[in-house]
Amino acid sequence: MIFSVLTVSDRCSKGICEDKSGPLIVEFLTPYGKTKEYITVPDEQKEIEKALIYLCDDVKADIVFT
């Protein structure tokens, strides 16, 4: 099973603060399959849509955790 993790955060995407939830999810998923991609995007609909399409169509993730 291939996983991807998408974190939506304006501050984390700009490097203002550290994303703690995304890495925690990646760590939790490790025994169940491979996390192929982990990305952070700003809280903007177009950016979220673009990231989800990328993770589904290009990365071919079986499940995307947001």
N, C-alpha and C. Protein backbone atom coordinates (compact mmCIF):
# COMPACT_ATOMS: atom_id res chain seq x y z
N MET A 1 0.84 -1.17 0.00
CA MET A 1 0.00 0.00 0.00
C MET A 1 0.89 1.24 0.00
N ILE A 2 0.56 2.19 -0.86
CA ILE A 2 1.32 3.44 -0.95
C ILE A 2 0.47 4.58 -0.40
N PHE A 3 1.04 5.31 0.55
CA PHE A 3 0.36 6.43 1.17
C PHE A 3 1.01 7.74 0.76
N SER A 4 0.23 8.80 0.83
CA SER A 4 0.75 10.17 0.73
C SER A 4 0.09 10.98 1.85
N VAL A 5 0.81 11.99 2.30
CA VAL A 5 0.31 12.85 3.37
C VAL A 5 0.34 14.29 2.88
N LEU A 6 -0.79 14.97 3.03
CA LEU A 6 -0.92 16.37 2.63
C LEU A 6 -1.32 17.19 3.85
N THR A 7 -0.48 18.13 4.22
CA THR A 7 -0.79 19.05 5.31
C THR A 7 -1.18 20.39 4.70
N VAL A 8 -2.27 20.96 5.17
CA VAL A 8 -2.74 22.25 4.69
C VAL A 8 -2.54 23.27 5.81
N SER A 9 -1.62 24.21 5.58
CA SER A 9 -1.32 25.22 6.60
C SER A 9 -0.59 26.39 5.95
N ASP A 10 -1.14 27.57 6.12
CA ASP A 10 -0.47 28.76 5.59
C ASP A 10 0.90 28.95 6.24
N ARG A 11 0.93 28.90 7.56
CA ARG A 11 2.17 29.17 8.30
C ARG A 11 3.24 28.12 8.05
N CYS A 12 2.85 26.84 8.03
CA CYS A 12 3.83 25.78 7.80
C CYS A 12 4.35 25.80 6.36
N SER A 13 3.48 26.11 5.42
CA SER A 13 3.90 26.14 4.02
C SER A 13 4.89 27.27 3.75
N LYS A 14 4.84 28.32 4.57
CA LYS A 14 5.76 29.45 4.43
C LYS A 14 7.01 29.30 5.30
N GLY A 15 7.07 28.23 6.08
CA GLY A 15 8.23 28.01 6.95
C GLY A 15 8.20 28.82 8.23
N ILE A 16 7.06 29.42 8.54
CA ILE A 16 6.94 30.23 9.76
C ILE A 16 6.92 29.34 11.00
N CYS A 17 6.27 28.19 10.86
CA CYS A 17 6.27 27.23 11.97
C CYS A 17 6.45 25.82 11.41
N GLU A 18 6.78 24.92 12.28
CA GLU A 18 7.07 23.54 11.90
C GLU A 18 5.78 22.71 11.92
N ASP A 19 5.60 21.93 10.86
CA ASP A 19 4.45 21.03 10.81
C ASP A 19 4.76 19.81 11.67
N LYS A 20 3.96 19.58 12.67
CA LYS A 20 4.16 18.43 13.55
C LYS A 20 3.22 17.29 13.20
N SER A 21 2.05 17.60 12.65
CA SER A 21 1.06 16.56 12.37
C SER A 21 1.47 15.68 11.19
N GLY A 22 1.99 16.28 10.13
CA GLY A 22 2.38 15.49 8.95
C GLY A 22 3.41 14.42 9.26
N PRO A 23 4.55 14.79 9.87
CA PRO A 23 5.54 13.77 10.22
C PRO A 23 5.01 12.71 11.18
N LEU A 24 4.11 13.10 12.07
CA LEU A 24 3.52 12.14 13.00
C LEU A 24 2.66 11.12 12.24
N ILE A 25 1.90 11.59 11.26
CA ILE A 25 1.10 10.68 10.45
C ILE A 25 2.00 9.74 9.65
N VAL A 26 3.07 10.27 9.06
CA VAL A 26 4.03 9.44 8.32
C VAL A 26 4.59 8.35 9.23
N GLU A 27 4.98 8.72 10.44
CA GLU A 27 5.53 7.76 11.40
C GLU A 27 4.49 6.69 11.76
N PHE A 28 3.25 7.10 11.97
CA PHE A 28 2.18 6.17 12.31
C PHE A 28 1.94 5.17 11.18
N LEU A 29 2.06 5.61 9.93
CA LEU A 29 1.76 4.76 8.78
C LEU A 29 2.87 3.77 8.44
N THR A 30 4.07 4.00 8.92
CA THR A 30 5.23 3.19 8.55
C THR A 30 5.00 1.68 8.64
N PRO A 31 4.39 1.14 9.68
CA PRO A 31 4.21 -0.31 9.73
C PRO A 31 3.19 -0.86 8.71
N TYR A 32 2.41 0.03 8.10
CA TYR A 32 1.31 -0.41 7.24
C TYR A 32 1.59 -0.28 5.75
N GLY A 33 2.66 0.38 5.39
CA GLY A 33 2.98 0.57 3.98
C GLY A 33 4.01 1.67 3.83
N LYS A 34 4.21 2.11 2.60
CA LYS A 34 5.22 3.12 2.30
C LYS A 34 4.56 4.48 2.08
N THR A 35 5.08 5.50 2.76
CA THR A 35 4.64 6.86 2.50
C THR A 35 5.55 7.41 1.41
N LYS A 36 4.99 7.55 0.23
CA LYS A 36 5.79 7.94 -0.93
C LYS A 36 5.99 9.45 -1.03
N GLU A 37 5.04 10.22 -0.52
CA GLU A 37 5.13 11.66 -0.65
C GLU A 37 4.48 12.33 0.56
N TYR A 38 5.12 13.39 1.04
CA TYR A 38 4.57 14.20 2.13
C TYR A 38 4.79 15.65 1.75
N ILE A 39 3.71 16.40 1.61
CA ILE A 39 3.84 17.80 1.20
C ILE A 39 2.95 18.70 2.06
N THR A 40 3.32 19.97 2.10
CA THR A 40 2.56 20.98 2.82
C THR A 40 2.21 22.09 1.84
N VAL A 41 0.94 22.50 1.84
CA VAL A 41 0.48 23.57 0.96
C VAL A 41 -0.28 24.61 1.78
N PRO A 42 -0.38 25.84 1.25
CA PRO A 42 -1.18 26.86 1.93
C PRO A 42 -2.66 26.53 1.86
N ASP A 43 -3.43 27.14 2.72
CA ASP A 43 -4.87 26.92 2.79
C ASP A 43 -5.58 27.72 1.69
N GLU A 44 -5.34 27.31 0.47
CA GLU A 44 -5.94 27.92 -0.72
C GLU A 44 -6.51 26.79 -1.58
N GLN A 45 -7.77 26.93 -1.97
CA GLN A 45 -8.45 25.85 -2.68
C GLN A 45 -7.66 25.36 -3.89
N LYS A 46 -7.17 26.25 -4.72
CA LYS A 46 -6.44 25.85 -5.93
C LYS A 46 -5.18 25.05 -5.59
N GLU A 47 -4.47 25.46 -4.55
CA GLU A 47 -3.25 24.75 -4.13
C GLU A 47 -3.58 23.35 -3.61
N ILE A 48 -4.66 23.26 -2.85
CA ILE A 48 -5.08 21.96 -2.32
C ILE A 48 -5.50 21.04 -3.45
N GLU A 49 -6.30 21.56 -4.39
CA GLU A 49 -6.73 20.77 -5.55
C GLU A 49 -5.53 20.27 -6.35
N LYS A 50 -4.60 21.17 -6.61
CA LYS A 50 -3.39 20.82 -7.38
C LYS A 50 -2.60 19.72 -6.68
N ALA A 51 -2.44 19.84 -5.37
CA ALA A 51 -1.69 18.84 -4.60
C ALA A 51 -2.40 17.49 -4.61
N LEU A 52 -3.72 17.49 -4.44
CA LEU A 52 -4.46 16.23 -4.43
C LEU A 52 -4.41 15.54 -5.79
N ILE A 53 -4.53 16.32 -6.86
CA ILE A 53 -4.43 15.74 -8.21
C ILE A 53 -3.05 15.15 -8.42
N TYR A 54 -2.01 15.87 -8.01
CA TYR A 54 -0.63 15.37 -8.13
C TYR A 54 -0.45 14.06 -7.37
N LEU A 55 -0.91 14.03 -6.12
CA LEU A 55 -0.72 12.84 -5.29
C LEU A 55 -1.49 11.64 -5.84
N CYS A 56 -2.66 11.87 -6.39
CA CYS A 56 -3.46 10.77 -6.93
C CYS A 56 -2.99 10.35 -8.32
N ASP A 57 -2.79 11.31 -9.22
CA ASP A 57 -2.48 10.99 -10.61
C ASP A 57 -1.01 10.70 -10.86
N ASP A 58 -0.11 11.46 -10.26
CA ASP A 58 1.32 11.30 -10.53
C ASP A 58 2.00 10.35 -9.54
N VAL A 59 1.74 10.54 -8.28
CA VAL A 59 2.37 9.69 -7.27
C VAL A 59 1.69 8.33 -7.21
N LYS A 60 0.43 8.28 -7.59
CA LYS A 60 -0.36 7.02 -7.60
C LYS A 60 -0.57 6.48 -6.18
N ALA A 61 -0.80 7.39 -5.24
CA ALA A 61 -1.05 6.97 -3.86
C ALA A 61 -2.36 6.21 -3.78
N ASP A 62 -2.35 5.13 -3.02
CA ASP A 62 -3.58 4.38 -2.77
C ASP A 62 -4.49 5.15 -1.83
N ILE A 63 -3.89 5.84 -0.85
CA ILE A 63 -4.63 6.65 0.11
C ILE A 63 -3.86 7.94 0.36
N VAL A 64 -4.60 9.06 0.37
CA VAL A 64 -4.01 10.35 0.71
C VAL A 64 -4.59 10.80 2.04
N PHE A 65 -3.74 11.00 3.03
CA PHE A 65 -4.17 11.49 4.34
C PHE A 65 -4.00 13.01 4.34
N THR A 66 -5.07 13.71 4.75
CA THR A 66 -5.01 15.18 4.77
C THR A 66 -5.25 15.66 6.19
